[in-house]
Amino acid sequence: MKIILNIIIFLISIFGYACSCKDWREISVLERINNTDQIFEGTVKSINKIDDKTLSIEFLITRKDKGVDSLNSIVIQTSTDMCGSQFKKGETWLIFSNSNYTGLCSGNIQLFQNSFKEFPVSKVSDKYKFYISKLQKFINEISELKIQREFVEFDKDNKIIAKGIIGTDKQIKDNWYYADFIIKN
């Protein structure tokens, strides 16, 4: 009986600490970009343990997409638990961070041989191809933004799901429109 109780407690502890990440397809790509402080491509230079729960990751920035225009490197924190991102020295990533923190649910993408600009969307699961292709398109456009302009995002049925202006500082201007929508696989 004691063994069964220990197994139940163990299983509860595993599921109690598991991450529950949202499906990024549930919000528009532009809303995700607009609600993220920093978006950049970087190579892991160093990993340091701050305490039992937190790691400090220094990235050498290889491409500046949003919120890191004046930086050559940046230090981002992540958790050491299951919800933290797992990085290794020398790896290159597309990072999404808020307040210099990222985690498993931030939707970071490891870039094995390419920049996200040339990321092979054809190798992505069919379930995410449409979303990743829009993410790639908008990040590329925002990264190269030289003048303030309006951005419009469409769903698979060609309906507008996000619309608004982004300035040369890569920040949103005025009010944005974000539609509630349902994911269609």
C-alpha atoms as a PDB file:
ATOM      1  CA  MET A   1       0.000   0.000   0.000  1.00  0.00           C
ATOM      2  CA  LYS A   2       2.834   2.394   0.887  1.00  0.00           C
ATOM      3  CA  ILE A   3       4.460   1.758  -2.515  1.00  0.00           C
ATOM      4  CA  ILE A   4       1.234   2.584  -4.353  1.00  0.00           C
ATOM      5  CA  LEU A   5       0.853   5.787  -2.316  1.00  0.00           C
ATOM      6  CA  ASN A   6       4.438   6.790  -3.144  1.00  0.00           C
ATOM      7  CA  ILE A   7       3.812   6.168  -6.851  1.00  0.00           C
ATOM      8  CA  ILE A   8       0.658   8.302  -6.761  1.00  0.00           C
ATOM      9  CA  ILE A   9       2.489  11.141  -4.973  1.00  0.00           C
ATOM     10  CA  PHE A  10       5.339  10.875  -7.497  1.00  0.00           C
ATOM     11  CA  LEU A  11       2.941  11.057 -10.466  1.00  0.00           C
ATOM     12  CA  ILE A  12       1.089  14.010  -8.954  1.00  0.00           C
ATOM     13  CA  SER A  13       4.393  15.830  -8.418  1.00  0.00           C
ATOM     14  CA  ILE A  14       5.445  15.223 -12.039  1.00  0.00           C
ATOM     15  CA  PHE A  15       2.170  16.459 -13.499  1.00  0.00           C
ATOM     16  CA  GLY A  16       1.921  19.283 -10.980  1.00  0.00           C
ATOM     17  CA  TYR A  17       5.221  20.720 -12.202  1.00  0.00           C
ATOM     18  CA  ALA A  18       4.776  20.093 -15.911  1.00  0.00           C
ATOM     19  CA  CYS A  19       4.613  23.133 -18.149  1.00  0.00           C
ATOM     20  CA  SER A  20       1.362  23.967 -19.800  1.00  0.00           C
ATOM     21  CA  CYS A  21       2.233  26.121 -22.795  1.00  0.00           C
ATOM     22  CA  LYS A  22      -0.374  27.721 -25.000  1.00  0.00           C
ATOM     23  CA  ASP A  23      -0.505  26.886 -28.656  1.00  0.00           C
ATOM     24  CA  TRP A  24       1.002  29.972 -30.316  1.00  0.00           C
ATOM     25  CA  ARG A  25      -1.476  29.602 -33.171  1.00  0.00           C
ATOM     26  CA  GLU A  26      -4.169  30.803 -30.730  1.00  0.00           C
ATOM     27  CA  ILE A  27      -3.010  34.412 -31.084  1.00  0.00           C
ATOM     28  CA  SER A  28      -2.001  36.281 -34.201  1.00  0.00           C
ATOM     29  CA  VAL A  29       1.679  36.430 -35.140  1.00  0.00           C
ATOM     30  CA  LEU A  30       1.634  40.231 -34.955  1.00  0.00           C
ATOM     31  CA  GLU A  31       0.069  40.185 -31.492  1.00  0.00           C
ATOM     32  CA  ARG A  32       2.789  37.798 -30.338  1.00  0.00           C
ATOM     33  CA  ILE A  33       5.520  40.014 -31.806  1.00  0.00           C
ATOM     34  CA  ASN A  34       3.955  43.177 -30.351  1.00  0.00           C
ATOM     35  CA  ASN A  35       3.677  41.628 -26.875  1.00  0.00           C
ATOM     36  CA  THR A  36       7.327  40.528 -26.804  1.00  0.00           C
ATOM     37  CA  ASP A  37      10.023  42.911 -25.516  1.00  0.00           C
ATOM     38  CA  GLN A  38      13.024  41.418 -27.296  1.00  0.00           C
ATOM     39  CA  ILE A  39      13.264  39.262 -30.397  1.00  0.00           C
ATOM     40  CA  PHE A  40      16.709  38.392 -31.680  1.00  0.00           C
ATOM     41  CA  GLU A  41      18.914  35.690 -33.095  1.00  0.00           C
ATOM     42  CA  GLY A  42      21.877  34.855 -30.936  1.00  0.00           C
ATOM     43  CA  THR A  43      24.563  32.324 -30.219  1.00  0.00           C
ATOM     44  CA  VAL A  44      24.971  31.099 -26.648  1.00  0.00           C
ATOM     45  CA  LYS A  45      28.270  32.475 -25.322  1.00  0.00           C
ATOM     46  CA  SER A  46      27.990  31.418 -21.684  1.00  0.00           C
ATOM     47  CA  ILE A  47      25.631  29.816 -19.200  1.00  0.00           C
ATOM     48  CA  ASN A  48      25.857  30.651 -15.499  1.00  0.00           C
ATOM     49  CA  LYS A  49      23.837  29.407 -12.562  1.00  0.00           C
ATOM     50  CA  ILE A  50      22.414  32.318 -10.548  1.00  0.00           C
ATOM     51  CA  ASP A  51      20.744  30.128  -7.920  1.00  0.00           C
ATOM     52  CA  ASP A  52      18.985  26.752  -7.694  1.00  0.00           C
ATOM     53  CA  LYS A  53      16.096  27.983  -9.827  1.00  0.00           C
ATOM     54  CA  THR A  54      17.650  30.395 -12.336  1.00  0.00           C
ATOM     55  CA  LEU A  55      20.220  30.315 -15.129  1.00  0.00           C
ATOM     56  CA  SER A  56      21.782  33.334 -16.794  1.00  0.00           C
ATOM     57  CA  ILE A  57      22.428  32.884 -20.526  1.00  0.00           C
ATOM     58  CA  GLU A  58      24.638  35.324 -22.444  1.00  0.00           C
ATOM     59  CA  PHE A  59      23.894  35.506 -26.162  1.00  0.00           C
ATOM     60  CA  LEU A  60      26.071  37.113 -28.815  1.00  0.00           C
ATOM     61  CA  ILE A  61      23.446  38.773 -30.993  1.00  0.00           C
ATOM     62  CA  THR A  62      23.699  37.786 -34.651  1.00  0.00           C
ATOM     63  CA  ARG A  63      20.501  39.477 -35.830  1.00  0.00           C
ATOM     64  CA  LYS A  64      18.540  42.277 -34.177  1.00  0.00           C
ATOM     65  CA  ASP A  65      14.801  41.977 -34.727  1.00  0.00           C
ATOM     66  CA  LYS A  66      13.147  43.911 -31.871  1.00  0.00           C
ATOM     67  CA  GLY A  67      14.218  45.552 -28.624  1.00  0.00           C
ATOM     68  CA  VAL A  68      17.983  44.985 -28.939  1.00  0.00           C
ATOM     69  CA  ASP A  69      19.024  47.549 -31.557  1.00  0.00           C
ATOM     70  CA  SER A  70      21.975  48.993 -29.606  1.00  0.00           C
ATOM     71  CA  LEU A  71      23.293  45.704 -28.196  1.00  0.00           C
ATOM     72  CA  ASN A  72      25.952  43.251 -29.357  1.00  0.00           C
ATOM     73  CA  SER A  73      25.190  40.781 -26.570  1.00  0.00           C
ATOM     74  CA  ILE A  74      22.420  40.288 -24.053  1.00  0.00           C
ATOM     75  CA  VAL A  75      21.949  38.316 -20.859  1.00  0.00           C
ATOM     76  CA  ILE A  76      18.641  36.491 -20.588  1.00  0.00           C
ATOM     77  CA  GLN A  77      17.440  34.431 -17.636  1.00  0.00           C
ATOM     78  CA  THR A  78      15.593  31.137 -17.715  1.00  0.00           C
ATOM     79  CA  SER A  79      14.392  28.669 -15.126  1.00  0.00           C
ATOM     80  CA  THR A  80      16.253  25.476 -14.246  1.00  0.00           C
ATOM     81  CA  ASP A  81      12.959  23.550 -13.967  1.00  0.00           C
ATOM     82  CA  MET A  82      10.945  21.895 -16.743  1.00  0.00           C
ATOM     83  CA  CYS A  83       9.578  25.244 -17.898  1.00  0.00           C
ATOM     84  CA  GLY A  84      13.010  26.724 -18.539  1.00  0.00           C
ATOM     85  CA  SER A  85      14.645  26.695 -21.942  1.00  0.00           C
ATOM     86  CA  GLN A  86      17.503  24.247 -22.410  1.00  0.00           C
ATOM     87  CA  PHE A  87      20.476  25.937 -24.065  1.00  0.00           C
ATOM     88  CA  LYS A  88      24.009  24.736 -24.798  1.00  0.00           C
ATOM     89  CA  LYS A  89      27.079  26.839 -25.442  1.00  0.00           C
ATOM     90  CA  GLY A  90      27.577  27.474 -29.174  1.00  0.00           C
ATOM     91  CA  GLU A  91      23.919  26.915 -30.179  1.00  0.00           C
ATOM     92  CA  THR A  92      22.129  29.586 -32.208  1.00  0.00           C
ATOM     93  CA  TRP A  93      18.515  30.472 -31.400  1.00  0.00           C
ATOM     94  CA  LEU A  94      15.677  32.816 -32.311  1.00  0.00           C
ATOM     95  CA  ILE A  95      14.771  34.154 -28.869  1.00  0.00           C
ATOM     96  CA  PHE A  96      11.521  35.707 -27.638  1.00  0.00           C
ATOM     97  CA  SER A  97      11.963  37.338 -24.224  1.00  0.00           C
ATOM     98  CA  ASN A  98      10.094  39.671 -21.921  1.00  0.00           C
ATOM     99  CA  SER A  99      11.929  41.613 -19.220  1.00  0.00           C
ATOM    100  CA  ASN A 100      15.084  39.649 -20.152  1.00  0.00           C
ATOM    101  CA  TYR A 101      13.422  36.299 -19.303  1.00  0.00           C
ATOM    102  CA  THR A 102      12.614  33.414 -21.611  1.00  0.00           C
ATOM    103  CA  GLY A 103      11.338  29.910 -21.075  1.00  0.00           C
ATOM    104  CA  LEU A 104       9.977  26.820 -22.718  1.00  0.00           C
ATOM    105  CA  CYS A 105       6.613  28.509 -23.355  1.00  0.00           C
ATOM    106  CA  SER A 106       8.214  31.560 -25.032  1.00  0.00           C
ATOM    107  CA  GLY A 107       8.394  29.673 -28.322  1.00  0.00           C
ATOM    108  CA  ASN A 108      12.133  30.026 -28.984  1.00  0.00           C
ATOM    109  CA  ILE A 109      13.378  28.289 -32.128  1.00  0.00           C
ATOM    110  CA  GLN A 110      16.766  26.632 -32.435  1.00  0.00           C
ATOM    111  CA  LEU A 111      18.455  27.650 -35.678  1.00  0.00           C
ATOM    112  CA  PHE A 112      20.716  24.773 -36.640  1.00  0.00           C
ATOM    113  CA  GLN A 113      22.388  26.008 -39.830  1.00  0.00           C
ATOM    114  CA  ASN A 114      20.363  28.984 -40.960  1.00  0.00           C
ATOM    115  CA  SER A 115      19.261  32.387 -39.863  1.00  0.00           C
ATOM    116  CA  PHE A 116      15.514  32.577 -39.275  1.00  0.00           C
ATOM    117  CA  LYS A 117      15.498  34.694 -42.439  1.00  0.00           C
ATOM    118  CA  GLU A 118      16.279  31.501 -44.406  1.00  0.00           C
ATOM    119  CA  PHE A 119      14.621  29.071 -41.994  1.00  0.00           C
ATOM    120  CA  PRO A 120      13.353  26.016 -43.942  1.00  0.00           C
ATOM    121  CA  VAL A 121       9.603  26.278 -43.283  1.00  0.00           C
ATOM    122  CA  SER A 122       9.132  23.240 -45.537  1.00  0.00           C
ATOM    123  CA  LYS A 123      10.616  21.079 -42.731  1.00  0.00           C
ATOM    124  CA  VAL A 124       8.077  22.284 -40.149  1.00  0.00           C
ATOM    125  CA  SER A 125       5.096  20.100 -39.258  1.00  0.00           C
ATOM    126  CA  ASP A 126       2.105  20.816 -41.527  1.00  0.00           C
ATOM    127  CA  LYS A 127       0.194  21.860 -38.414  1.00  0.00           C
ATOM    128  CA  TYR A 128       2.524  24.875 -37.929  1.00  0.00           C
ATOM    129  CA  LYS A 129       3.682  25.737 -41.483  1.00  0.00           C
ATOM    130  CA  PHE A 130       1.185  28.562 -42.003  1.00  0.00           C
ATOM    131  CA  TYR A 131       1.977  30.122 -38.612  1.00  0.00           C
ATOM    132  CA  ILE A 132       5.778  29.799 -38.943  1.00  0.00           C
ATOM    133  CA  SER A 133       5.738  31.182 -42.498  1.00  0.00           C
ATOM    134  CA  LYS A 134       3.829  34.267 -41.257  1.00  0.00           C
ATOM    135  CA  LEU A 135       6.171  34.591 -38.268  1.00  0.00           C
ATOM    136  CA  GLN A 136       9.166  34.459 -40.598  1.00  0.00           C
ATOM    137  CA  LYS A 137       7.624  37.013 -42.980  1.00  0.00           C
ATOM    138  CA  PHE A 138       6.744  39.546 -40.277  1.00  0.00           C
ATOM    139  CA  ILE A 139       9.993  39.186 -38.313  1.00  0.00           C
ATOM    140  CA  ASN A 140      11.977  39.698 -41.532  1.00  0.00           C
ATOM    141  CA  GLU A 141       9.920  42.775 -42.427  1.00  0.00           C
ATOM    142  CA  ILE A 142      10.139  44.278 -38.934  1.00  0.00           C
ATOM    143  CA  SER A 143      13.873  43.539 -38.683  1.00  0.00           C
ATOM    144  CA  GLU A 144      14.485  45.528 -41.866  1.00  0.00           C
ATOM    145  CA  LEU A 145      11.944  48.282 -41.106  1.00  0.00           C
ATOM    146  CA  LYS A 146      13.245  51.728 -42.117  1.00  0.00           C
ATOM    147  CA  ILE A 147       9.996  53.719 -42.140  1.00  0.00           C
ATOM    148  CA  GLN A 148       6.841  53.597 -40.064  1.00  0.00           C
ATOM    149  CA  ARG A 149       4.253  51.426 -41.795  1.00  0.00           C
ATOM    150  CA  GLU A 150       1.019  49.540 -41.395  1.00  0.00           C
ATOM    151  CA  PHE A 151       1.076  45.773 -40.969  1.00  0.00           C
ATOM    152  CA  VAL A 152      -1.915  43.546 -41.720  1.00  0.00           C
ATOM    153  CA  GLU A 153      -2.184  39.849 -40.900  1.00  0.00           C
ATOM    154  CA  PHE A 154      -4.690  37.468 -42.486  1.00  0.00           C
ATOM    155  CA  ASP A 155      -5.936  34.052 -41.416  1.00  0.00           C
ATOM    156  CA  LYS A 156      -6.237  31.041 -43.746  1.00  0.00           C
ATOM    157  CA  ASP A 157      -9.626  32.334 -44.961  1.00  0.00           C
ATOM    158  CA  ASN A 158      -8.084  35.715 -45.892  1.00  0.00           C
ATOM    159  CA  LYS A 159      -9.830  37.551 -43.042  1.00  0.00           C
ATOM    160  CA  ILE A 160      -7.937  40.263 -41.186  1.00  0.00           C
ATOM    161  CA  ILE A 161      -6.898  39.074 -37.722  1.00  0.00           C
ATOM    162  CA  ALA A 162      -4.414  41.840 -36.815  1.00  0.00           C
ATOM    163  CA  LYS A 163      -3.817  45.334 -38.102  1.00  0.00           C
ATOM    164  CA  GLY A 164      -1.841  48.348 -36.973  1.00  0.00           C
ATOM    165  CA  ILE A 165       1.217  50.539 -37.332  1.00  0.00           C
ATOM    166  CA  ILE A 166       4.777  49.775 -36.265  1.00  0.00           C
ATOM    167  CA  GLY A 167       7.275  52.629 -36.047  1.00  0.00           C
ATOM    168  CA  THR A 168      10.928  52.737 -37.020  1.00  0.00           C
ATOM    169  CA  ASP A 169      11.701  51.967 -33.347  1.00  0.00           C
ATOM    170  CA  LYS A 170       9.915  48.628 -33.997  1.00  0.00           C
ATOM    171  CA  GLN A 171       7.269  49.446 -31.389  1.00  0.00           C
ATOM    172  CA  ILE A 172       3.514  49.545 -31.963  1.00  0.00           C
ATOM    173  CA  LYS A 173       1.916  52.910 -32.596  1.00  0.00           C
ATOM    174  CA  ASP A 174      -1.639  53.980 -31.797  1.00  0.00           C
ATOM    175  CA  ASN A 175      -4.335  51.335 -31.331  1.00  0.00           C
ATOM    176  CA  TRP A 176      -4.114  47.899 -32.881  1.00  0.00           C
ATOM    177  CA  TYR A 177      -6.896  45.611 -33.991  1.00  0.00           C
ATOM    178  CA  TYR A 178      -6.684  41.954 -32.958  1.00  0.00           C
ATOM    179  CA  ALA A 179      -9.541  39.617 -33.921  1.00  0.00           C
ATOM    180  CA  ASP A 180     -10.674  36.667 -31.885  1.00  0.00           C
ATOM    181  CA  PHE A 181     -10.334  33.647 -34.099  1.00  0.00           C
ATOM    182  CA  ILE A 182     -10.428  29.869 -34.073  1.00  0.00           C
ATOM    183  CA  ILE A 183      -7.526  27.729 -35.208  1.00  0.00           C
ATOM    184  CA  LYS A 184      -8.274  25.724 -38.315  1.00  0.00           C
ATOM    185  CA  ASN A 185      -5.846  22.894 -38.967  1.00  0.00           C
END
